Amino acid sequence: MTIERISPPLTGGERETLRAYLDFHRATLAMKCEGLGDEELRRRSMPPSTLSLLGLVRHMAEVERTWFRRVINREDIPFVWSATGDYQEAYDTSGATRAEAFDAWQREVEHARRIEREAESLDITGYQPRWEEHVSLRLVMLHLIHEYARHNGHADFLREGIDGTVGA
C-alpha cells in the first residue's frame, strides 16, 4: 500500500491550512512505517527507551482520541491502551500488532476529522482537565501538528535504525 501525502497549500484559509498540515503529518507517520512488519515496528530505539514506531502509532491514537473526542467533543470514553491516562503506556508494544495499532489510530483519525468538519468554527472550545483550562479547536489542531512533527522526527531516526531508510 502506498501512502498518499499531499503537501499543504502555500496559500489558503486558516482552517484549510491547519487541516492540510495535520493530514500531512499523519501521512508522514504512516510513511515511516510503510513496508515494515510487526517485529520491525516493535523494535526499540535503544535501552532503556521503550520508543518504537509501533509505540508512536499507538501513542498518536491516544493523543487523537484525547484531544478531539475527550476534550473538544466532551465524550466520556476510556483511553485506548491506558487505564490511567498515561500516554506512555501506549509505548508498551509487547504483543502489539501493526493491525490493531493502525486500526485504532485510523479510527481515531476519522473521528477527529469528523469532529473538526462538523465544528462551526475553530473558536469552539473544550475543557482540558490536565491544564485545567478551556482550549479552542484551533489550539487543538496546532497542538496535534506540533505533536506529530515532534514524533515524526523520532520516527525518522527509528526507521533509519531499522533498515537505513531516510528522508521525507
Protein backbone atom coordinates (compact mmCIF):
# COMPACT_ATOMS: atom_id res chain seq x y z
CA MET A 1 0.00 0.00 0.00
CA THR A 2 1.40 3.38 -0.98
CA ILE A 3 0.69 6.28 1.34
CA GLU A 4 -0.54 9.44 -0.34
CA ARG A 5 0.94 12.51 1.30
CA ILE A 6 -0.26 15.82 -0.09
CA SER A 7 1.81 18.92 0.60
CA PRO A 8 -0.06 21.66 2.46
CA PRO A 9 -1.12 24.69 0.40
CA LEU A 10 1.19 27.67 0.17
CA THR A 11 -1.82 29.98 0.34
CA GLY A 12 -5.25 29.35 1.75
CA GLY A 13 -7.54 29.94 4.67
CA GLU A 14 -6.63 29.17 8.25
CA ARG A 15 -8.80 26.10 8.63
CA GLU A 16 -7.80 24.63 5.28
CA THR A 17 -4.13 25.14 6.13
CA LEU A 18 -4.38 23.64 9.62
CA ARG A 19 -6.30 20.64 8.26
CA ALA A 20 -3.75 20.12 5.47
CA TYR A 21 -0.73 20.33 7.80
CA LEU A 22 -2.30 17.90 10.24
CA ASP A 23 -3.07 15.42 7.45
CA PHE A 24 0.43 15.89 6.03
CA HIS A 25 1.95 14.89 9.37
CA ARG A 26 -0.45 11.97 9.80
CA ALA A 27 0.60 10.69 6.38
CA THR A 28 4.27 11.18 7.27
CA LEU A 29 3.97 8.87 10.29
CA ALA A 30 2.23 6.25 8.13
CA MET A 31 5.01 6.56 5.51
CA LYS A 32 7.69 5.99 8.15
CA CYS A 33 6.00 2.68 8.99
CA GLU A 34 5.26 1.60 5.43
CA GLY A 35 6.52 -1.84 4.43
CA LEU A 36 7.54 -2.93 7.93
CA GLY A 37 6.27 -5.96 9.81
CA ASP A 38 5.24 -6.27 13.44
CA GLU A 39 8.71 -7.18 14.70
CA GLU A 40 10.38 -4.24 12.94
CA LEU A 41 7.69 -1.83 14.11
CA ARG A 42 8.17 -3.02 17.71
CA ARG A 43 11.96 -2.53 17.55
CA ARG A 44 13.03 -0.12 20.30
CA SER A 45 15.37 2.79 19.72
CA MET A 46 17.89 1.95 22.45
CA PRO A 47 17.79 0.83 26.07
CA PRO A 48 16.23 1.87 28.33
CA SER A 49 13.83 3.66 25.98
CA THR A 50 10.59 1.93 25.02
CA LEU A 51 10.22 4.15 21.94
CA SER A 52 9.31 2.30 18.74
CA LEU A 53 7.42 3.07 15.56
CA LEU A 54 4.50 0.93 16.71
CA GLY A 55 4.56 2.73 20.05
CA LEU A 56 4.39 6.07 18.25
CA VAL A 57 1.33 4.95 16.27
CA ARG A 58 -0.36 3.77 19.46
CA HIS A 59 0.61 6.98 21.25
CA MET A 60 -0.85 9.12 18.47
CA ALA A 61 -4.10 7.13 18.61
CA GLU A 62 -4.32 8.10 22.30
CA VAL A 63 -3.47 11.73 21.51
CA GLU A 64 -6.07 11.99 18.72
CA ARG A 65 -8.70 10.38 20.96
CA THR A 66 -7.91 12.60 23.93
CA TRP A 67 -7.81 15.96 22.19
CA PHE A 68 -10.62 15.56 19.70
CA ARG A 69 -13.07 13.17 21.36
CA ARG A 70 -12.49 13.69 25.07
CA VAL A 71 -11.57 17.39 25.07
CA ILE A 72 -13.37 19.02 22.11
CA ASN A 73 -16.32 16.62 21.76
CA ARG A 74 -16.54 16.05 25.54
CA GLU A 75 -17.05 12.31 25.15
CA ASP A 76 -16.76 10.33 28.37
CA ILE A 77 -14.78 7.43 26.92
CA PRO A 78 -11.78 5.47 28.20
CA PHE A 79 -8.32 5.72 26.76
CA VAL A 80 -7.34 3.15 24.14
CA TRP A 81 -4.43 1.47 25.97
CA SER A 82 -4.16 3.25 29.28
CA ALA A 83 -6.23 2.73 32.37
CA THR A 84 -4.75 5.86 33.95
CA GLY A 85 -4.45 8.29 31.05
CA ASP A 86 -0.67 7.95 30.96
CA TYR A 87 0.24 8.17 27.28
CA GLN A 88 3.49 6.34 28.00
CA GLU A 89 1.54 3.10 28.41
CA ALA A 90 0.94 3.14 24.65
CA TYR A 91 4.68 2.61 24.14
CA ASP A 92 4.49 -0.89 25.64
CA THR A 93 4.20 -2.83 22.40
CA SER A 94 4.95 -6.32 23.66
CA GLY A 95 2.41 -8.46 21.87
CA ALA A 96 1.05 -5.47 19.92
CA THR A 97 0.47 -5.81 16.21
CA ARG A 98 0.51 -3.46 13.28
CA ALA A 99 -3.11 -4.34 12.51
CA GLU A 100 -4.50 -3.44 15.93
CA ALA A 101 -2.40 -0.28 16.28
CA PHE A 102 -3.14 1.07 12.82
CA ASP A 103 -6.84 0.17 13.05
CA ALA A 104 -7.15 2.07 16.34
CA TRP A 105 -5.15 5.02 15.03
CA GLN A 106 -7.15 5.26 11.79
CA ARG A 107 -10.44 5.08 13.72
CA GLU A 108 -9.32 7.95 15.95
CA VAL A 109 -8.12 9.99 12.96
CA GLU A 110 -11.52 9.53 11.29
CA HIS A 111 -13.30 10.62 14.48
CA ALA A 112 -11.03 13.67 14.68
CA ARG A 113 -11.68 14.61 11.05
CA ARG A 114 -15.43 14.30 11.59
CA ILE A 115 -15.35 16.42 14.75
CA GLU A 116 -13.29 19.11 13.02
CA ARG A 117 -15.52 19.11 9.90
CA GLU A 118 -18.71 19.38 11.96
CA ALA A 119 -17.39 22.19 14.18
CA GLU A 120 -18.89 25.56 13.34
CA SER A 121 -15.58 27.33 13.80
CA LEU A 122 -12.07 26.96 15.13
CA ASP A 123 -13.19 29.01 18.13
CA ILE A 124 -15.30 26.25 19.70
CA THR A 125 -13.82 25.10 22.98
CA GLY A 126 -13.47 22.02 25.07
CA TYR A 127 -12.04 21.50 28.53
CA GLN A 128 -8.54 20.10 29.00
CA PRO A 129 -8.50 18.71 32.57
CA ARG A 130 -4.70 18.31 32.78
CA TRP A 131 -4.29 22.02 32.07
CA GLU A 132 -7.46 22.95 33.94
CA GLU A 133 -8.29 25.27 31.03
CA HIS A 134 -10.71 25.60 28.16
CA VAL A 135 -8.99 25.24 24.79
CA SER A 136 -10.12 26.06 21.26
CA LEU A 137 -10.28 23.69 18.33
CA ARG A 138 -7.62 25.92 16.76
CA LEU A 139 -5.25 25.24 19.65
CA VAL A 140 -6.02 21.51 19.49
CA MET A 141 -5.17 21.36 15.79
CA LEU A 142 -1.96 23.33 16.34
CA HIS A 143 -1.05 21.10 19.28
CA LEU A 144 -1.58 17.96 17.18
CA ILE A 145 0.56 19.38 14.36
CA HIS A 146 3.30 20.05 16.93
CA GLU A 147 2.89 16.57 18.44
CA TYR A 148 3.10 14.82 15.07
CA ALA A 149 6.04 16.93 13.88
CA ARG A 150 7.98 16.12 17.04
CA HIS A 151 7.25 12.40 16.86
CA ASN A 152 7.87 12.25 13.12
CA GLY A 153 11.42 13.36 13.93
CA HIS A 154 11.66 10.36 16.26
CA ALA A 155 10.19 8.19 13.51
CA ASP A 156 12.92 9.34 11.11
CA PHE A 157 15.63 8.00 13.42
CA LEU A 158 13.73 4.83 14.27
CA ARG A 159 13.19 3.95 10.60
CA GLU A 160 16.82 4.65 9.74
CA GLY A 161 17.88 2.29 12.53
CA ILE A 162 15.64 -0.47 11.21
CA ASP A 163 16.56 -0.55 7.52
CA GLY A 164 18.56 2.58 6.66
CA THR A 165 15.61 4.39 5.05
CA VAL A 166 15.97 8.16 5.42
CA GLY A 167 14.19 11.25 4.19
CA ALA A 168 10.68 12.53 3.57
